[in-house]
């Protein structure tokens, strides 16, 4: 099982999209977000995880 860990994303949508792409490419099964996302709309980008 591959686990992805991310933190301190704040409102940086380009970096979040890049991380989601890496997680999908690497077939990560579980992603843990260790905090510091600022606006709820940024969290919606994680809906694109496969």
PDB file of N, CA and C in Angstrom:
ATOM      1  N   UNK A   1       0.840  -1.177   0.000  1.00  0.00           N
ATOM      2  CA  UNK A   1       0.000   0.000   0.000  1.00  0.00           C
ATOM      3  C   UNK A   1       0.886   1.242   0.000  1.00  0.00           C
ATOM      4  N   UNK A   2       0.590   2.156  -0.908  1.00  0.00           N
ATOM      5  CA  UNK A   2       1.315   3.425  -0.947  1.00  0.00           C
ATOM      6  C   UNK A   2       0.494   4.488  -0.229  1.00  0.00           C
ATOM      7  N   UNK A   3       1.178   5.275   0.599  1.00  0.00           N
ATOM      8  CA  UNK A   3       0.545   6.354   1.351  1.00  0.00           C
ATOM      9  C   UNK A   3       1.213   7.663   0.959  1.00  0.00           C
ATOM     10  N   UNK A   4       0.400   8.657   0.628  1.00  0.00           N
ATOM     11  CA  UNK A   4       0.907   9.988   0.315  1.00  0.00           C
ATOM     12  C   UNK A   4       0.678  10.908   1.497  1.00  0.00           C
ATOM     13  N   UNK A   5       1.655  11.738   1.795  1.00  0.00           N
ATOM     14  CA  UNK A   5       1.543  12.693   2.896  1.00  0.00           C
ATOM     15  C   UNK A   5       1.790  14.090   2.343  1.00  0.00           C
ATOM     16  N   UNK A   6       0.931  15.016   2.741  1.00  0.00           N
ATOM     17  CA  UNK A   6       1.048  16.392   2.277  1.00  0.00           C
ATOM     18  C   UNK A   6       0.688  17.322   3.432  1.00  0.00           C
ATOM     19  N   UNK A   7       1.265  18.502   3.437  1.00  0.00           N
ATOM     20  CA  UNK A   7       0.920  19.486   4.474  1.00  0.00           C
ATOM     21  C   UNK A   7       1.203  20.893   3.966  1.00  0.00           C
ATOM     22  N   UNK A   8       0.741  21.857   4.721  1.00  0.00           N
ATOM     23  CA  UNK A   8       1.012  23.275   4.449  1.00  0.00           C
ATOM     24  C   UNK A   8       0.674  23.681   3.016  1.00  0.00           C
ATOM     25  N   UNK A   9      -0.467  23.232   2.518  1.00  0.00           N
ATOM     26  CA  UNK A   9      -0.847  23.571   1.150  1.00  0.00           C
ATOM     27  C   UNK A   9      -1.411  24.982   1.040  1.00  0.00           C
ATOM     28  N   UNK A  10      -1.960  25.497   2.124  1.00  0.00           N
ATOM     29  CA  UNK A  10      -2.546  26.846   2.155  1.00  0.00           C
ATOM     30  C   UNK A  10      -3.482  27.019   0.959  1.00  0.00           C
ATOM     31  N   UNK A  11      -3.319  28.024   0.145  1.00  0.00           N
ATOM     32  CA  UNK A  11      -4.186  28.236  -1.025  1.00  0.00           C
ATOM     33  C   UNK A  11      -3.433  28.031  -2.333  1.00  0.00           C
ATOM     34  N   UNK A  12      -2.402  27.225  -2.317  1.00  0.00           N
ATOM     35  CA  UNK A  12      -1.540  27.059  -3.484  1.00  0.00           C
ATOM     36  C   UNK A  12      -2.097  25.979  -4.420  1.00  0.00           C
ATOM     37  N   UNK A  13      -3.090  26.358  -5.227  1.00  0.00           N
ATOM     38  CA  UNK A  13      -3.738  25.393  -6.123  1.00  0.00           C
ATOM     39  C   UNK A  13      -2.789  24.737  -7.120  1.00  0.00           C
ATOM     40  N   UNK A  14      -1.850  25.451  -7.725  1.00  0.00           N
ATOM     41  CA  UNK A  14      -0.938  24.768  -8.657  1.00  0.00           C
ATOM     42  C   UNK A  14      -0.148  23.640  -7.985  1.00  0.00           C
ATOM     43  N   UNK A  15       0.309  23.862  -6.778  1.00  0.00           N
ATOM     44  CA  UNK A  15       1.075  22.823  -6.068  1.00  0.00           C
ATOM     45  C   UNK A  15       0.173  21.667  -5.652  1.00  0.00           C
ATOM     46  N   UNK A  16      -1.062  21.973  -5.255  1.00  0.00           N
ATOM     47  CA  UNK A  16      -2.011  20.916  -4.889  1.00  0.00           C
ATOM     48  C   UNK A  16      -2.305  20.051  -6.107  1.00  0.00           C
ATOM     49  N   UNK A  17      -2.561  20.689  -7.251  1.00  0.00           N
ATOM     50  CA  UNK A  17      -2.831  19.937  -8.483  1.00  0.00           C
ATOM     51  C   UNK A  17      -1.642  19.061  -8.854  1.00  0.00           C
ATOM     52  N   UNK A  18      -0.441  19.583  -8.684  1.00  0.00           N
ATOM     53  CA  UNK A  18       0.761  18.802  -8.980  1.00  0.00           C
ATOM     54  C   UNK A  18       0.851  17.591  -8.057  1.00  0.00           C
ATOM     55  N   UNK A  19       0.599  17.794  -6.768  1.00  0.00           N
ATOM     56  CA  UNK A  19       0.655  16.691  -5.800  1.00  0.00           C
ATOM     57  C   UNK A  19      -0.402  15.641  -6.114  1.00  0.00           C
ATOM     58  N   UNK A  20      -1.610  16.073  -6.435  1.00  0.00           N
ATOM     59  CA  UNK A  20      -2.678  15.130  -6.778  1.00  0.00           C
ATOM     60  C   UNK A  20      -2.275  14.323  -8.008  1.00  0.00           C
ATOM     61  N   UNK A  21      -1.670  14.967  -8.987  1.00  0.00           N
ATOM     62  CA  UNK A  21      -1.191  14.257 -10.174  1.00  0.00           C
ATOM     63  C   UNK A  21      -0.141  13.213  -9.837  1.00  0.00           C
ATOM     64  N   UNK A  22       0.775  13.566  -8.956  1.00  0.00           N
ATOM     65  CA  UNK A  22       1.811  12.610  -8.531  1.00  0.00           C
ATOM     66  C   UNK A  22       1.173  11.448  -7.780  1.00  0.00           C
ATOM     67  N   UNK A  23       0.263  11.748  -6.867  1.00  0.00           N
ATOM     68  CA  UNK A  23      -0.404  10.683  -6.107  1.00  0.00           C
ATOM     69  C   UNK A  23      -1.140   9.737  -7.050  1.00  0.00           C
ATOM     70  N   UNK A  24      -1.826  10.272  -8.049  1.00  0.00           N
ATOM     71  CA  UNK A  24      -2.541   9.428  -9.007  1.00  0.00           C
ATOM     72  C   UNK A  24      -1.572   8.611  -9.857  1.00  0.00           C
ATOM     73  N   UNK A  25      -0.518   9.242 -10.339  1.00  0.00           N
ATOM     74  CA  UNK A  25       0.467   8.541 -11.174  1.00  0.00           C
ATOM     75  C   UNK A  25       1.127   7.397 -10.413  1.00  0.00           C
ATOM     76  N   UNK A  26       1.399   7.629  -9.137  1.00  0.00           N
ATOM     77  CA  UNK A  26       2.066   6.623  -8.303  1.00  0.00           C
ATOM     78  C   UNK A  26       1.092   5.631  -7.669  1.00  0.00           C
ATOM     79  N   UNK A  27      -0.189   5.777  -7.986  1.00  0.00           N
ATOM     80  CA  UNK A  27      -1.234   4.879  -7.480  1.00  0.00           C
ATOM     81  C   UNK A  27      -1.266   4.837  -5.946  1.00  0.00           C
ATOM     82  N   UNK A  28      -1.217   6.026  -5.354  1.00  0.00           N
ATOM     83  CA  UNK A  28      -1.303   6.152  -3.897  1.00  0.00           C
ATOM     84  C   UNK A  28      -2.718   5.779  -3.470  1.00  0.00           C
ATOM     85  N   UNK A  29      -2.827   4.945  -2.447  1.00  0.00           N
ATOM     86  CA  UNK A  29      -4.127   4.464  -1.987  1.00  0.00           C
ATOM     87  C   UNK A  29      -4.702   5.282  -0.841  1.00  0.00           C
ATOM     88  N   UNK A  30      -3.858   5.983  -0.114  1.00  0.00           N
ATOM     89  CA  UNK A  30      -4.303   6.767   1.039  1.00  0.00           C
ATOM     90  C   UNK A  30      -3.490   8.051   1.091  1.00  0.00           C
ATOM     91  N   UNK A  31      -4.169   9.179   1.250  1.00  0.00           N
ATOM     92  CA  UNK A  31      -3.483  10.465   1.374  1.00  0.00           C
ATOM     93  C   UNK A  31      -3.809  11.056   2.736  1.00  0.00           C
ATOM     94  N   UNK A  32      -2.760  11.434   3.456  1.00  0.00           N
ATOM     95  CA  UNK A  32      -2.913  12.104   4.744  1.00  0.00           C
ATOM     96  C   UNK A  32      -2.523  13.565   4.573  1.00  0.00           C
ATOM     97  N   UNK A  33      -3.434  14.449   4.939  1.00  0.00           N
ATOM     98  CA  UNK A  33      -3.134  15.880   4.894  1.00  0.00           C
ATOM     99  C   UNK A  33      -2.867  16.313   6.330  1.00  0.00           C
ATOM    100  N   UNK A  34      -1.650  16.768   6.593  1.00  0.00           N
ATOM    101  CA  UNK A  34      -1.224  17.080   7.958  1.00  0.00           C
ATOM    102  C   UNK A  34      -1.540  18.518   8.372  1.00  0.00           C
ATOM    103  N   UNK A  35      -2.413  19.160   7.650  1.00  0.00           N
ATOM    104  CA  UNK A  35      -2.874  20.459   8.105  1.00  0.00           C
ATOM    105  C   UNK A  35      -2.399  21.646   7.295  1.00  0.00           C
ATOM    106  N   UNK A  36      -2.946  22.764   7.681  1.00  0.00           N
ATOM    107  CA  UNK A  36      -2.675  24.072   7.080  1.00  0.00           C
ATOM    108  C   UNK A  36      -3.172  24.197   5.646  1.00  0.00           C
ATOM    109  N   UNK A  37      -4.443  23.872   5.444  1.00  0.00           N
ATOM    110  CA  UNK A  37      -5.096  24.334   4.220  1.00  0.00           C
ATOM    111  C   UNK A  37      -5.996  25.477   4.671  1.00  0.00           C
ATOM    112  N   UNK A  38      -5.979  26.573   3.945  1.00  0.00           N
ATOM    113  CA  UNK A  38      -6.601  27.808   4.411  1.00  0.00           C
ATOM    114  C   UNK A  38      -8.068  27.891   4.024  1.00  0.00           C
ATOM    115  N   UNK A  39      -8.349  27.841   2.752  1.00  0.00           N
ATOM    116  CA  UNK A  39      -9.714  28.011   2.265  1.00  0.00           C
ATOM    117  C   UNK A  39     -10.311  26.663   1.895  1.00  0.00           C
ATOM    118  N   UNK A  40     -11.573  26.450   2.244  1.00  0.00           N
ATOM    119  CA  UNK A  40     -12.208  25.161   1.924  1.00  0.00           C
ATOM    120  C   UNK A  40     -12.168  24.809   0.437  1.00  0.00           C
ATOM    121  N   UNK A  41     -12.193  25.822  -0.446  1.00  0.00           N
ATOM    122  CA  UNK A  41     -12.204  25.519  -1.882  1.00  0.00           C
ATOM    123  C   UNK A  41     -10.930  24.800  -2.321  1.00  0.00           C
ATOM    124  N   UNK A  42      -9.824  25.015  -1.619  1.00  0.00           N
ATOM    125  CA  UNK A  42      -8.596  24.324  -2.011  1.00  0.00           C
ATOM    126  C   UNK A  42      -8.681  22.833  -1.710  1.00  0.00           C
ATOM    127  N   UNK A  43      -9.396  22.488  -0.666  1.00  0.00           N
ATOM    128  CA  UNK A  43      -9.538  21.081  -0.301  1.00  0.00           C
ATOM    129  C   UNK A  43     -10.330  20.314  -1.356  1.00  0.00           C
ATOM    130  N   UNK A  44     -11.202  21.015  -2.081  1.00  0.00           N
ATOM    131  CA  UNK A  44     -12.009  20.360  -3.121  1.00  0.00           C
ATOM    132  C   UNK A  44     -11.150  19.778  -4.233  1.00  0.00           C
ATOM    133  N   UNK A  45      -9.962  20.306  -4.423  1.00  0.00           N
ATOM    134  CA  UNK A  45      -9.061  19.797  -5.465  1.00  0.00           C
ATOM    135  C   UNK A  45      -8.699  18.334  -5.216  1.00  0.00           C
ATOM    136  N   UNK A  46      -8.750  17.911  -3.969  1.00  0.00           N
ATOM    137  CA  UNK A  46      -8.413  16.529  -3.633  1.00  0.00           C
ATOM    138  C   UNK A  46      -9.493  15.546  -4.090  1.00  0.00           C
ATOM    139  N   UNK A  47     -10.639  16.047  -4.550  1.00  0.00           N
ATOM    140  CA  UNK A  47     -11.669  15.167  -5.105  1.00  0.00           C
ATOM    141  C   UNK A  47     -11.186  14.512  -6.395  1.00  0.00           C
ATOM    142  N   UNK A  48     -10.118  15.048  -6.974  1.00  0.00           N
ATOM    143  CA  UNK A  48      -9.572  14.494  -8.214  1.00  0.00           C
ATOM    144  C   UNK A  48      -8.637  13.311  -7.985  1.00  0.00           C
ATOM    145  N   UNK A  49      -8.494  12.901  -6.733  1.00  0.00           N
ATOM    146  CA  UNK A  49      -7.683  11.709  -6.455  1.00  0.00           C
ATOM    147  C   UNK A  49      -8.399  10.476  -6.978  1.00  0.00           C
ATOM    148  N   UNK A  50      -7.651   9.564  -7.580  1.00  0.00           N
ATOM    149  CA  UNK A  50      -8.250   8.313  -8.088  1.00  0.00           C
ATOM    150  C   UNK A  50      -8.331   7.280  -7.007  1.00  0.00           C
TER     151      UNK A  50
END
